[in-house]
Structure formats: structure tokens, C-alpha cells
């Protein structure tokens, strides 16, 4: 506070200044008189509380949050339109990673950007937990492409430095959740083919080492390789993915 001398008589001004000093001294004395144990409490009150830790995904909560996803991916993660990937059985970790990348614009898709933007990290985990609890419906491979596709999936092509797909995605295509390698089994051939072609043509889903793995492999595949792999993967499934037999 500042005072202008005009309009104040010296005696009044002197009294006001004395009052200010007296009040300041009282405040300092009161602070000094407070117990030392109060200092940490005051500091804790002033500190900004940390964000609550993200909990593992809750499939029950995720079911409600994933309802809007059903328009493209199917209510149980088995999309009926082959241009949209099946999410049933996909790992929670992988789904969270993709939603995070869509939200950040690292993986670009106008529709998914709009869907992922309002989601919190906990929402993503819950949605991932819901879809991971579902079973992918088995697809069917083109028999004419199976031999070529199976060779690439299980053996790769050492002459062209193409690794076997199962090295990362497992022998039955179930993926590796810890390494965030996705499940491939029963995935739509149309979606696999479009994705591999996109990587082949230079699209990437980020600039980190993990995101560079598939583009570097896909660029070594030709159109016949991509078609054969996509078809083989759609038909890849194990007996526990078969629909339950109808009871008479």
C-alpha cells in the first residue's frame, strides 16, 4: 500500500504508519509462536495432490464405455464390416497403446481421433479390458493362398530378410501382450491386407522403435505375399475359438 502525503496531517500519517508496523509485528510474532509441527501440514495443504494411479482395466465398466465402438467394431468386438478390425480378444495393453496414439495424432485416422480424444487413460484401459475378454469369431482362408501364407507366417523368407510372423505374434497368432504385439488370429483379411499395404507404401504409426518394426518388414513384401498372409491370418484360429456347438 502507498500513501500520498497530500491530505494527511503529519500526526495522522505518523499514527497510520505506527499501526501498520504494529500489525506486521503481531503477524510475525504469531507465526513464530506456531508449533513447528504445523509446518509440514501447511506445506502438504499447499501442495497439488498427485493424480490417482491408473487401475487395471475393468471389463464391466468398459462395456458401457465401449458401446459407441460397436457401430464399427461390433458390440462384442467382432466387426461385421471387414474394413474395421476385430477387437475381440485383443490385449488390453495393445488397445490402450492404439487409442493413445490416435488421441495424440501419432496414428492418424479422422474417425478414431474423434473417438479417442475425450477418453481418459482409465477409459482406455476399461475399454481394452472389455474387448480383451471377448472371443474372436473364426474366419476362413482362401485355400489357394494357404500354403504361401503359412510359409511366410511360420518360416518367413531368409533370402529376403523377412522374419516369421509367429516370432512376434506367436504360433497361433495370439500376439504378445507384454511386448504389445497384437493378436492376429481370425482378423479380417481385408483389414490385414489394407494395413500391410499402407505400411508397405510408407505409412507409419509413430517414430519410436516399436512403430518402425512393421513398416520395415512390410516394405519387403510384394502384393502376392500380402494377399496370402492376410488370407492365412483370417483363417488362423485354434479350437477354443470355435463357437460352442448347439445343443439339441
C-alpha atoms as a PDB file:
ATOM      1  CA  UNK A   1       0.000   0.000   0.000  1.00  0.00           C
ATOM      2  CA  UNK A   2       1.288   3.510  -0.772  1.00  0.00           C
ATOM      3  CA  UNK A   3       0.289   6.776   0.828  1.00  0.00           C
ATOM      4  CA  UNK A   4       0.320  10.203  -0.661  1.00  0.00           C
ATOM      5  CA  UNK A   5       1.284  12.881   1.811  1.00  0.00           C
ATOM      6  CA  UNK A   6      -1.237  15.364   0.429  1.00  0.00           C
ATOM      7  CA  UNK A   7      -4.402  15.414   2.544  1.00  0.00           C
ATOM      8  CA  UNK A   8      -2.854  13.752   5.596  1.00  0.00           C
ATOM      9  CA  UNK A   9      -1.751  15.727   8.622  1.00  0.00           C
ATOM     10  CA  UNK A  10       1.652  14.643   9.989  1.00  0.00           C
ATOM     11  CA  UNK A  11       0.162  13.347  13.236  1.00  0.00           C
ATOM     12  CA  UNK A  12      -2.428  11.207  11.405  1.00  0.00           C
ATOM     13  CA  UNK A  13       0.167   9.856   8.964  1.00  0.00           C
ATOM     14  CA  UNK A  14       2.500   9.003  11.816  1.00  0.00           C
ATOM     15  CA  UNK A  15      -0.262   7.113  13.628  1.00  0.00           C
ATOM     16  CA  UNK A  16      -1.158   5.125  10.478  1.00  0.00           C
ATOM     17  CA  UNK A  17       2.451   4.124   9.893  1.00  0.00           C
ATOM     18  CA  UNK A  18       2.792   3.081  13.505  1.00  0.00           C
ATOM     19  CA  UNK A  19      -0.361   0.945  13.181  1.00  0.00           C
ATOM     20  CA  UNK A  20       0.989  -0.794  10.088  1.00  0.00           C
ATOM     21  CA  UNK A  21       4.242  -1.656  11.842  1.00  0.00           C
ATOM     22  CA  UNK A  22       2.341  -2.865  14.892  1.00  0.00           C
ATOM     23  CA  UNK A  23       0.115  -5.183  12.825  1.00  0.00           C
ATOM     24  CA  UNK A  24       3.112  -6.539  10.904  1.00  0.00           C
ATOM     25  CA  UNK A  25       4.956  -7.251  14.140  1.00  0.00           C
ATOM     26  CA  UNK A  26       1.899  -9.040  15.535  1.00  0.00           C
ATOM     27  CA  UNK A  27       1.673 -11.283  12.455  1.00  0.00           C
ATOM     28  CA  UNK A  28       5.360 -12.186  12.658  1.00  0.00           C
ATOM     29  CA  UNK A  29       5.072 -12.929  16.371  1.00  0.00           C
ATOM     30  CA  UNK A  30       2.038 -15.147  15.772  1.00  0.00           C
ATOM     31  CA  UNK A  31       3.875 -17.078  13.053  1.00  0.00           C
ATOM     32  CA  UNK A  32       6.881 -17.584  15.321  1.00  0.00           C
ATOM     33  CA  UNK A  33       4.581 -18.789  18.083  1.00  0.00           C
ATOM     34  CA  UNK A  34       3.035 -21.572  15.953  1.00  0.00           C
ATOM     35  CA  UNK A  35       4.240 -25.110  16.811  1.00  0.00           C
ATOM     36  CA  UNK A  36       6.909 -26.449  14.491  1.00  0.00           C
ATOM     37  CA  UNK A  37       4.731 -29.494  13.747  1.00  0.00           C
ATOM     38  CA  UNK A  38       2.299 -27.308  11.820  1.00  0.00           C
ATOM     39  CA  UNK A  39       4.811 -26.516   9.078  1.00  0.00           C
ATOM     40  CA  UNK A  40       4.611 -29.860   7.234  1.00  0.00           C
ATOM     41  CA  UNK A  41       0.824 -29.814   7.409  1.00  0.00           C
ATOM     42  CA  UNK A  42       0.711 -26.354   5.854  1.00  0.00           C
ATOM     43  CA  UNK A  43       3.094 -27.419   3.132  1.00  0.00           C
ATOM     44  CA  UNK A  44       1.006 -30.500   2.421  1.00  0.00           C
ATOM     45  CA  UNK A  45      -2.125 -28.392   2.150  1.00  0.00           C
ATOM     46  CA  UNK A  46      -0.487 -26.057  -0.335  1.00  0.00           C
ATOM     47  CA  UNK A  47       0.911 -28.885  -2.465  1.00  0.00           C
ATOM     48  CA  UNK A  48      -1.031 -30.016  -5.520  1.00  0.00           C
ATOM     49  CA  UNK A  49      -2.294 -33.579  -4.975  1.00  0.00           C
ATOM     50  CA  UNK A  50      -0.905 -36.154  -7.416  1.00  0.00           C
ATOM     51  CA  UNK A  51      -3.232 -37.759  -9.923  1.00  0.00           C
ATOM     52  CA  UNK A  52      -4.735 -41.042  -8.838  1.00  0.00           C
ATOM     53  CA  UNK A  53      -2.874 -44.059 -10.186  1.00  0.00           C
ATOM     54  CA  UNK A  54      -4.416 -45.749 -13.215  1.00  0.00           C
ATOM     55  CA  UNK A  55      -6.066 -49.017 -12.211  1.00  0.00           C
ATOM     56  CA  UNK A  56      -6.135 -52.173 -14.339  1.00  0.00           C
ATOM     57  CA  UNK A  57      -8.992 -52.132 -16.803  1.00  0.00           C
ATOM     58  CA  UNK A  58     -12.478 -53.015 -15.575  1.00  0.00           C
ATOM     59  CA  UNK A  59     -14.328 -55.014 -18.231  1.00  0.00           C
ATOM     60  CA  UNK A  60     -17.724 -54.251 -16.666  1.00  0.00           C
ATOM     61  CA  UNK A  61     -17.101 -50.509 -16.759  1.00  0.00           C
ATOM     62  CA  UNK A  62     -15.577 -50.901 -20.199  1.00  0.00           C
ATOM     63  CA  UNK A  63     -18.711 -52.474 -21.647  1.00  0.00           C
ATOM     64  CA  UNK A  64     -20.672 -49.257 -21.229  1.00  0.00           C
ATOM     65  CA  UNK A  65     -17.783 -47.113 -22.434  1.00  0.00           C
ATOM     66  CA  UNK A  66     -17.283 -49.338 -25.493  1.00  0.00           C
ATOM     67  CA  UNK A  67     -20.914 -49.191 -26.600  1.00  0.00           C
ATOM     68  CA  UNK A  68     -20.181 -46.441 -29.114  1.00  0.00           C
ATOM     69  CA  UNK A  69     -17.350 -48.564 -30.569  1.00  0.00           C
ATOM     70  CA  UNK A  70     -19.894 -51.202 -31.554  1.00  0.00           C
ATOM     71  CA  UNK A  71     -21.081 -49.233 -34.566  1.00  0.00           C
ATOM     72  CA  UNK A  72     -17.869 -50.153 -36.402  1.00  0.00           C
ATOM     73  CA  UNK A  73     -16.216 -52.901 -34.373  1.00  0.00           C
ATOM     74  CA  UNK A  74     -19.285 -54.838 -33.233  1.00  0.00           C
ATOM     75  CA  UNK A  75     -20.732 -54.820 -29.734  1.00  0.00           C
ATOM     76  CA  UNK A  76     -18.588 -57.823 -28.800  1.00  0.00           C
ATOM     77  CA  UNK A  77     -15.596 -56.708 -30.847  1.00  0.00           C
ATOM     78  CA  UNK A  78     -16.439 -58.877 -33.861  1.00  0.00           C
ATOM     79  CA  UNK A  79     -16.956 -56.351 -36.628  1.00  0.00           C
ATOM     80  CA  UNK A  80     -19.266 -57.354 -39.435  1.00  0.00           C
ATOM     81  CA  UNK A  81     -17.647 -54.922 -41.885  1.00  0.00           C
ATOM     82  CA  UNK A  82     -14.231 -56.266 -42.918  1.00  0.00           C
ATOM     83  CA  UNK A  83     -12.714 -52.812 -43.291  1.00  0.00           C
ATOM     84  CA  UNK A  84     -12.898 -52.400 -39.500  1.00  0.00           C
ATOM     85  CA  UNK A  85     -10.679 -54.664 -37.373  1.00  0.00           C
ATOM     86  CA  UNK A  86     -11.984 -57.205 -34.929  1.00  0.00           C
ATOM     87  CA  UNK A  87     -11.115 -56.153 -31.374  1.00  0.00           C
ATOM     88  CA  UNK A  88     -12.425 -59.262 -29.631  1.00  0.00           C
ATOM     89  CA  UNK A  89      -9.590 -60.988 -27.800  1.00  0.00           C
ATOM     90  CA  UNK A  90      -7.129 -58.171 -28.493  1.00  0.00           C
ATOM     91  CA  UNK A  91      -4.944 -57.408 -25.481  1.00  0.00           C
ATOM     92  CA  UNK A  92      -5.783 -54.514 -23.169  1.00  0.00           C
ATOM     93  CA  UNK A  93      -2.224 -53.168 -23.495  1.00  0.00           C
ATOM     94  CA  UNK A  94      -2.348 -53.054 -27.272  1.00  0.00           C
ATOM     95  CA  UNK A  95      -5.765 -51.355 -27.371  1.00  0.00           C
ATOM     96  CA  UNK A  96      -4.582 -48.712 -24.878  1.00  0.00           C
ATOM     97  CA  UNK A  97      -1.479 -48.071 -26.982  1.00  0.00           C
ATOM     98  CA  UNK A  98      -3.510 -47.566 -30.167  1.00  0.00           C
ATOM     99  CA  UNK A  99      -6.107 -45.325 -28.511  1.00  0.00           C
ATOM    100  CA  UNK A 100      -3.295 -43.249 -27.001  1.00  0.00           C
ATOM    101  CA  UNK A 101      -1.655 -42.896 -30.423  1.00  0.00           C
ATOM    102  CA  UNK A 102      -4.967 -41.955 -32.072  1.00  0.00           C
ATOM    103  CA  UNK A 103      -5.593 -39.319 -29.399  1.00  0.00           C
ATOM    104  CA  UNK A 104      -2.106 -37.875 -29.849  1.00  0.00           C
ATOM    105  CA  UNK A 105      -2.359 -37.951 -33.639  1.00  0.00           C
ATOM    106  CA  UNK A 106       0.637 -40.277 -33.843  1.00  0.00           C
ATOM    107  CA  UNK A 107      -1.563 -42.806 -35.611  1.00  0.00           C
ATOM    108  CA  UNK A 108      -3.737 -40.792 -37.922  1.00  0.00           C
ATOM    109  CA  UNK A 109      -7.377 -41.582 -38.569  1.00  0.00           C
ATOM    110  CA  UNK A 110     -10.020 -38.822 -38.513  1.00  0.00           C
ATOM    111  CA  UNK A 111     -12.752 -41.079 -37.131  1.00  0.00           C
ATOM    112  CA  UNK A 112     -10.618 -42.584 -34.401  1.00  0.00           C
ATOM    113  CA  UNK A 113      -9.169 -39.189 -33.467  1.00  0.00           C
ATOM    114  CA  UNK A 114     -12.685 -38.024 -32.653  1.00  0.00           C
ATOM    115  CA  UNK A 115     -13.477 -41.201 -30.736  1.00  0.00           C
ATOM    116  CA  UNK A 116     -10.245 -41.270 -28.713  1.00  0.00           C
ATOM    117  CA  UNK A 117      -9.926 -37.566 -27.867  1.00  0.00           C
ATOM    118  CA  UNK A 118     -12.468 -37.485 -24.984  1.00  0.00           C
ATOM    119  CA  UNK A 119     -11.177 -40.714 -23.420  1.00  0.00           C
ATOM    120  CA  UNK A 120      -9.120 -40.668 -20.242  1.00  0.00           C
ATOM    121  CA  UNK A 121      -6.347 -43.194 -19.748  1.00  0.00           C
ATOM    122  CA  UNK A 122      -8.606 -45.110 -17.366  1.00  0.00           C
ATOM    123  CA  UNK A 123     -11.359 -45.179 -20.015  1.00  0.00           C
ATOM    124  CA  UNK A 124      -8.881 -46.688 -22.464  1.00  0.00           C
ATOM    125  CA  UNK A 125      -7.891 -49.410 -20.009  1.00  0.00           C
ATOM    126  CA  UNK A 126     -11.528 -50.240 -19.259  1.00  0.00           C
ATOM    127  CA  UNK A 127     -12.416 -50.452 -22.958  1.00  0.00           C
ATOM    128  CA  UNK A 128      -9.344 -52.583 -23.592  1.00  0.00           C
ATOM    129  CA  UNK A 129     -10.263 -54.919 -20.735  1.00  0.00           C
ATOM    130  CA  UNK A 130     -13.770 -55.335 -22.126  1.00  0.00           C
ATOM    131  CA  UNK A 131     -12.712 -56.261 -25.651  1.00  0.00           C
ATOM    132  CA  UNK A 132      -9.886 -58.500 -24.415  1.00  0.00           C
ATOM    133  CA  UNK A 133     -12.481 -60.555 -22.547  1.00  0.00           C
ATOM    134  CA  UNK A 134     -14.331 -61.374 -25.772  1.00  0.00           C
ATOM    135  CA  UNK A 135     -13.657 -64.216 -28.208  1.00  0.00           C
ATOM    136  CA  UNK A 136     -12.926 -63.516 -31.875  1.00  0.00           C
ATOM    137  CA  UNK A 137     -15.149 -65.369 -34.295  1.00  0.00           C
ATOM    138  CA  UNK A 138     -13.090 -67.571 -36.633  1.00  0.00           C
ATOM    139  CA  UNK A 139     -12.679 -66.580 -40.252  1.00  0.00           C
ATOM    140  CA  UNK A 140     -11.995 -68.583 -43.383  1.00  0.00           C
ATOM    141  CA  UNK A 141      -8.849 -68.578 -45.522  1.00  0.00           C
ATOM    142  CA  UNK A 142      -8.691 -68.912 -49.290  1.00  0.00           C
ATOM    143  CA  UNK A 143      -7.341 -72.428 -49.732  1.00  0.00           C
ATOM    144  CA  UNK A 144      -5.376 -71.373 -52.799  1.00  0.00           C
ATOM    145  CA  UNK A 145      -3.347 -68.916 -50.676  1.00  0.00           C
ATOM    146  CA  UNK A 146      -2.832 -71.011 -47.554  1.00  0.00           C
ATOM    147  CA  UNK A 147       0.496 -72.631 -48.464  1.00  0.00           C
ATOM    148  CA  UNK A 148       2.193 -69.340 -49.346  1.00  0.00           C
ATOM    149  CA  UNK A 149       0.693 -67.539 -46.363  1.00  0.00           C
ATOM    150  CA  UNK A 150       1.594 -70.303 -43.929  1.00  0.00           C
ATOM    151  CA  UNK A 151       5.198 -70.372 -45.132  1.00  0.00           C
ATOM    152  CA  UNK A 152       5.620 -66.644 -44.542  1.00  0.00           C
ATOM    153  CA  UNK A 153       3.811 -66.733 -41.201  1.00  0.00           C
ATOM    154  CA  UNK A 154       5.752 -69.694 -39.795  1.00  0.00           C
ATOM    155  CA  UNK A 155       9.099 -69.509 -41.579  1.00  0.00           C
ATOM    156  CA  UNK A 156       9.451 -66.089 -43.138  1.00  0.00           C
ATOM    157  CA  UNK A 157      11.833 -65.751 -46.079  1.00  0.00           C
ATOM    158  CA  UNK A 158      15.501 -65.614 -45.124  1.00  0.00           C
ATOM    159  CA  UNK A 159      16.588 -64.757 -48.671  1.00  0.00           C
ATOM    160  CA  UNK A 160      14.605 -61.511 -48.454  1.00  0.00           C
ATOM    161  CA  UNK A 161      15.291 -60.938 -44.761  1.00  0.00           C
ATOM    162  CA  UNK A 162      11.612 -61.397 -43.876  1.00  0.00           C
ATOM    163  CA  UNK A 163      11.143 -62.822 -40.354  1.00  0.00           C
ATOM    164  CA  UNK A 164       8.426 -65.311 -39.484  1.00  0.00           C
ATOM    165  CA  UNK A 165       5.289 -63.550 -38.248  1.00  0.00           C
ATOM    166  CA  UNK A 166       4.925 -66.047 -35.427  1.00  0.00           C
ATOM    167  CA  UNK A 167       8.219 -64.879 -33.928  1.00  0.00           C
ATOM    168  CA  UNK A 168       6.363 -61.869 -32.529  1.00  0.00           C
ATOM    169  CA  UNK A 169       2.700 -62.777 -32.887  1.00  0.00           C
ATOM    170  CA  UNK A 170       3.034 -66.352 -31.512  1.00  0.00           C
ATOM    171  CA  UNK A 171       2.473 -69.668 -33.229  1.00  0.00           C
ATOM    172  CA  UNK A 172      -1.321 -69.373 -33.120  1.00  0.00           C
ATOM    173  CA  UNK A 173      -1.455 -65.631 -33.782  1.00  0.00           C
ATOM    174  CA  UNK A 174      -2.424 -64.710 -30.223  1.00  0.00           C
ATOM    175  CA  UNK A 175       0.227 -61.993 -30.015  1.00  0.00           C
ATOM    176  CA  UNK A 176       2.379 -60.935 -27.080  1.00  0.00           C
ATOM    177  CA  UNK A 177       0.582 -58.543 -24.700  1.00  0.00           C
ATOM    178  CA  UNK A 178       3.715 -57.718 -22.691  1.00  0.00           C
ATOM    179  CA  UNK A 179       5.555 -56.538 -25.797  1.00  0.00           C
ATOM    180  CA  UNK A 180       2.336 -55.025 -27.211  1.00  0.00           C
ATOM    181  CA  UNK A 181       2.471 -57.234 -30.309  1.00  0.00           C
ATOM    182  CA  UNK A 182      -1.183 -57.578 -31.334  1.00  0.00           C
ATOM    183  CA  UNK A 183      -3.317 -60.651 -31.705  1.00  0.00           C
ATOM    184  CA  UNK A 184      -3.791 -61.520 -35.388  1.00  0.00           C
ATOM    185  CA  UNK A 185      -5.817 -64.714 -35.248  1.00  0.00           C
ATOM    186  CA  UNK A 186      -9.129 -64.562 -37.163  1.00  0.00           C
ATOM    187  CA  UNK A 187      -8.594 -60.928 -38.169  1.00  0.00           C
ATOM    188  CA  UNK A 188     -10.355 -59.818 -41.365  1.00  0.00           C
ATOM    189  CA  UNK A 189      -8.160 -60.429 -44.412  1.00  0.00           C
ATOM    190  CA  UNK A 190      -9.345 -57.135 -45.921  1.00  0.00           C
ATOM    191  CA  UNK A 191      -8.145 -55.176 -42.885  1.00  0.00           C
ATOM    192  CA  UNK A 192      -4.804 -57.032 -42.694  1.00  0.00           C
ATOM    193  CA  UNK A 193      -4.212 -56.530 -46.399  1.00  0.00           C
ATOM    194  CA  UNK A 194      -5.015 -52.806 -46.272  1.00  0.00           C
ATOM    195  CA  UNK A 195      -2.787 -52.299 -43.216  1.00  0.00           C
ATOM    196  CA  UNK A 196       0.199 -54.171 -44.674  1.00  0.00           C
ATOM    197  CA  UNK A 197      -0.149 -52.284 -47.947  1.00  0.00           C
ATOM    198  CA  UNK A 198      -0.272 -48.992 -46.066  1.00  0.00           C
ATOM    199  CA  UNK A 199       2.952 -49.843 -44.229  1.00  0.00           C
ATOM    200  CA  UNK A 200       4.495 -51.060 -47.489  1.00  0.00           C
ATOM    201  CA  UNK A 201       3.709 -47.696 -49.080  1.00  0.00           C
ATOM    202  CA  UNK A 202       5.359 -45.709 -46.288  1.00  0.00           C
ATOM    203  CA  UNK A 203       2.729 -45.105 -43.605  1.00  0.00           C
ATOM    204  CA  UNK A 204       3.978 -45.337 -40.024  1.00  0.00           C
ATOM    205  CA  UNK A 205       2.202 -45.191 -36.675  1.00  0.00           C
ATOM    206  CA  UNK A 206       4.910 -43.216 -34.917  1.00  0.00           C
ATOM    207  CA  UNK A 207       8.638 -42.630 -34.945  1.00  0.00           C
ATOM    208  CA  UNK A 208       9.683 -44.815 -31.996  1.00  0.00           C
ATOM    209  CA  UNK A 209      11.498 -48.122 -32.500  1.00  0.00           C
ATOM    210  CA  UNK A 210       8.359 -50.188 -31.813  1.00  0.00           C
ATOM    211  CA  UNK A 211       6.394 -48.352 -34.501  1.00  0.00           C
ATOM    212  CA  UNK A 212       9.123 -48.909 -37.082  1.00  0.00           C
ATOM    213  CA  UNK A 213       9.087 -52.713 -36.882  1.00  0.00           C
ATOM    214  CA  UNK A 214       6.173 -53.500 -39.182  1.00  0.00           C
ATOM    215  CA  UNK A 215       6.774 -50.854 -41.882  1.00  0.00           C
ATOM    216  CA  UNK A 216      10.334 -52.136 -42.309  1.00  0.00           C
ATOM    217  CA  UNK A 217       9.026 -55.698 -42.764  1.00  0.00           C
ATOM    218  CA  UNK A 218       6.038 -54.807 -44.948  1.00  0.00           C
ATOM    219  CA  UNK A 219       8.257 -52.950 -47.412  1.00  0.00           C
ATOM    220  CA  UNK A 220       9.903 -56.292 -48.249  1.00  0.00           C
ATOM    221  CA  UNK A 221       6.582 -57.946 -49.095  1.00  0.00           C
ATOM    222  CA  UNK A 222       5.090 -57.923 -52.570  1.00  0.00           C
ATOM    223  CA  UNK A 223       1.378 -57.862 -53.397  1.00  0.00           C
ATOM    224  CA  UNK A 224       1.131 -61.673 -53.545  1.00  0.00           C
ATOM    225  CA  UNK A 225       2.833 -62.011 -50.146  1.00  0.00           C
ATOM    226  CA  UNK A 226       0.415 -59.530 -48.591  1.00  0.00           C
ATOM    227  CA  UNK A 227      -2.666 -61.206 -50.059  1.00  0.00           C
ATOM    228  CA  UNK A 228      -1.510 -64.677 -48.952  1.00  0.00           C
ATOM    229  CA  UNK A 229      -0.615 -63.567 -45.424  1.00  0.00           C
ATOM    230  CA  UNK A 230      -3.876 -61.680 -44.975  1.00  0.00           C
ATOM    231  CA  UNK A 231      -5.943 -64.661 -46.048  1.00  0.00           C
ATOM    232  CA  UNK A 232      -3.959 -67.124 -43.946  1.00  0.00           C
ATOM    233  CA  UNK A 233      -4.298 -64.940 -40.842  1.00  0.00           C
ATOM    234  CA  UNK A 234      -8.076 -64.697 -41.238  1.00  0.00           C
ATOM    235  CA  UNK A 235      -8.296 -68.476 -41.232  1.00  0.00           C
ATOM    236  CA  UNK A 236      -5.862 -68.850 -38.334  1.00  0.00           C
ATOM    237  CA  UNK A 237      -7.594 -69.951 -35.166  1.00  0.00           C
ATOM    238  CA  UNK A 238      -7.486 -72.658 -32.552  1.00  0.00           C
ATOM    239  CA  UNK A 239     -10.254 -74.946 -31.395  1.00  0.00           C
ATOM    240  CA  UNK A 240     -11.050 -72.834 -28.326  1.00  0.00           C
ATOM    241  CA  UNK A 241     -12.076 -70.017 -30.682  1.00  0.00           C
ATOM    242  CA  UNK A 242     -14.757 -72.137 -32.293  1.00  0.00           C
ATOM    243  CA  UNK A 243     -18.379 -71.223 -31.476  1.00  0.00           C
ATOM    244  CA  UNK A 244     -19.971 -73.573 -28.975  1.00  0.00           C
ATOM    245  CA  UNK A 245     -21.901 -76.386 -30.597  1.00  0.00           C
ATOM    246  CA  UNK A 246     -25.662 -76.007 -30.453  1.00  0.00           C
ATOM    247  CA  UNK A 247     -27.362 -78.366 -28.025  1.00  0.00           C
ATOM    248  CA  UNK A 248     -30.300 -80.399 -29.396  1.00  0.00           C
END
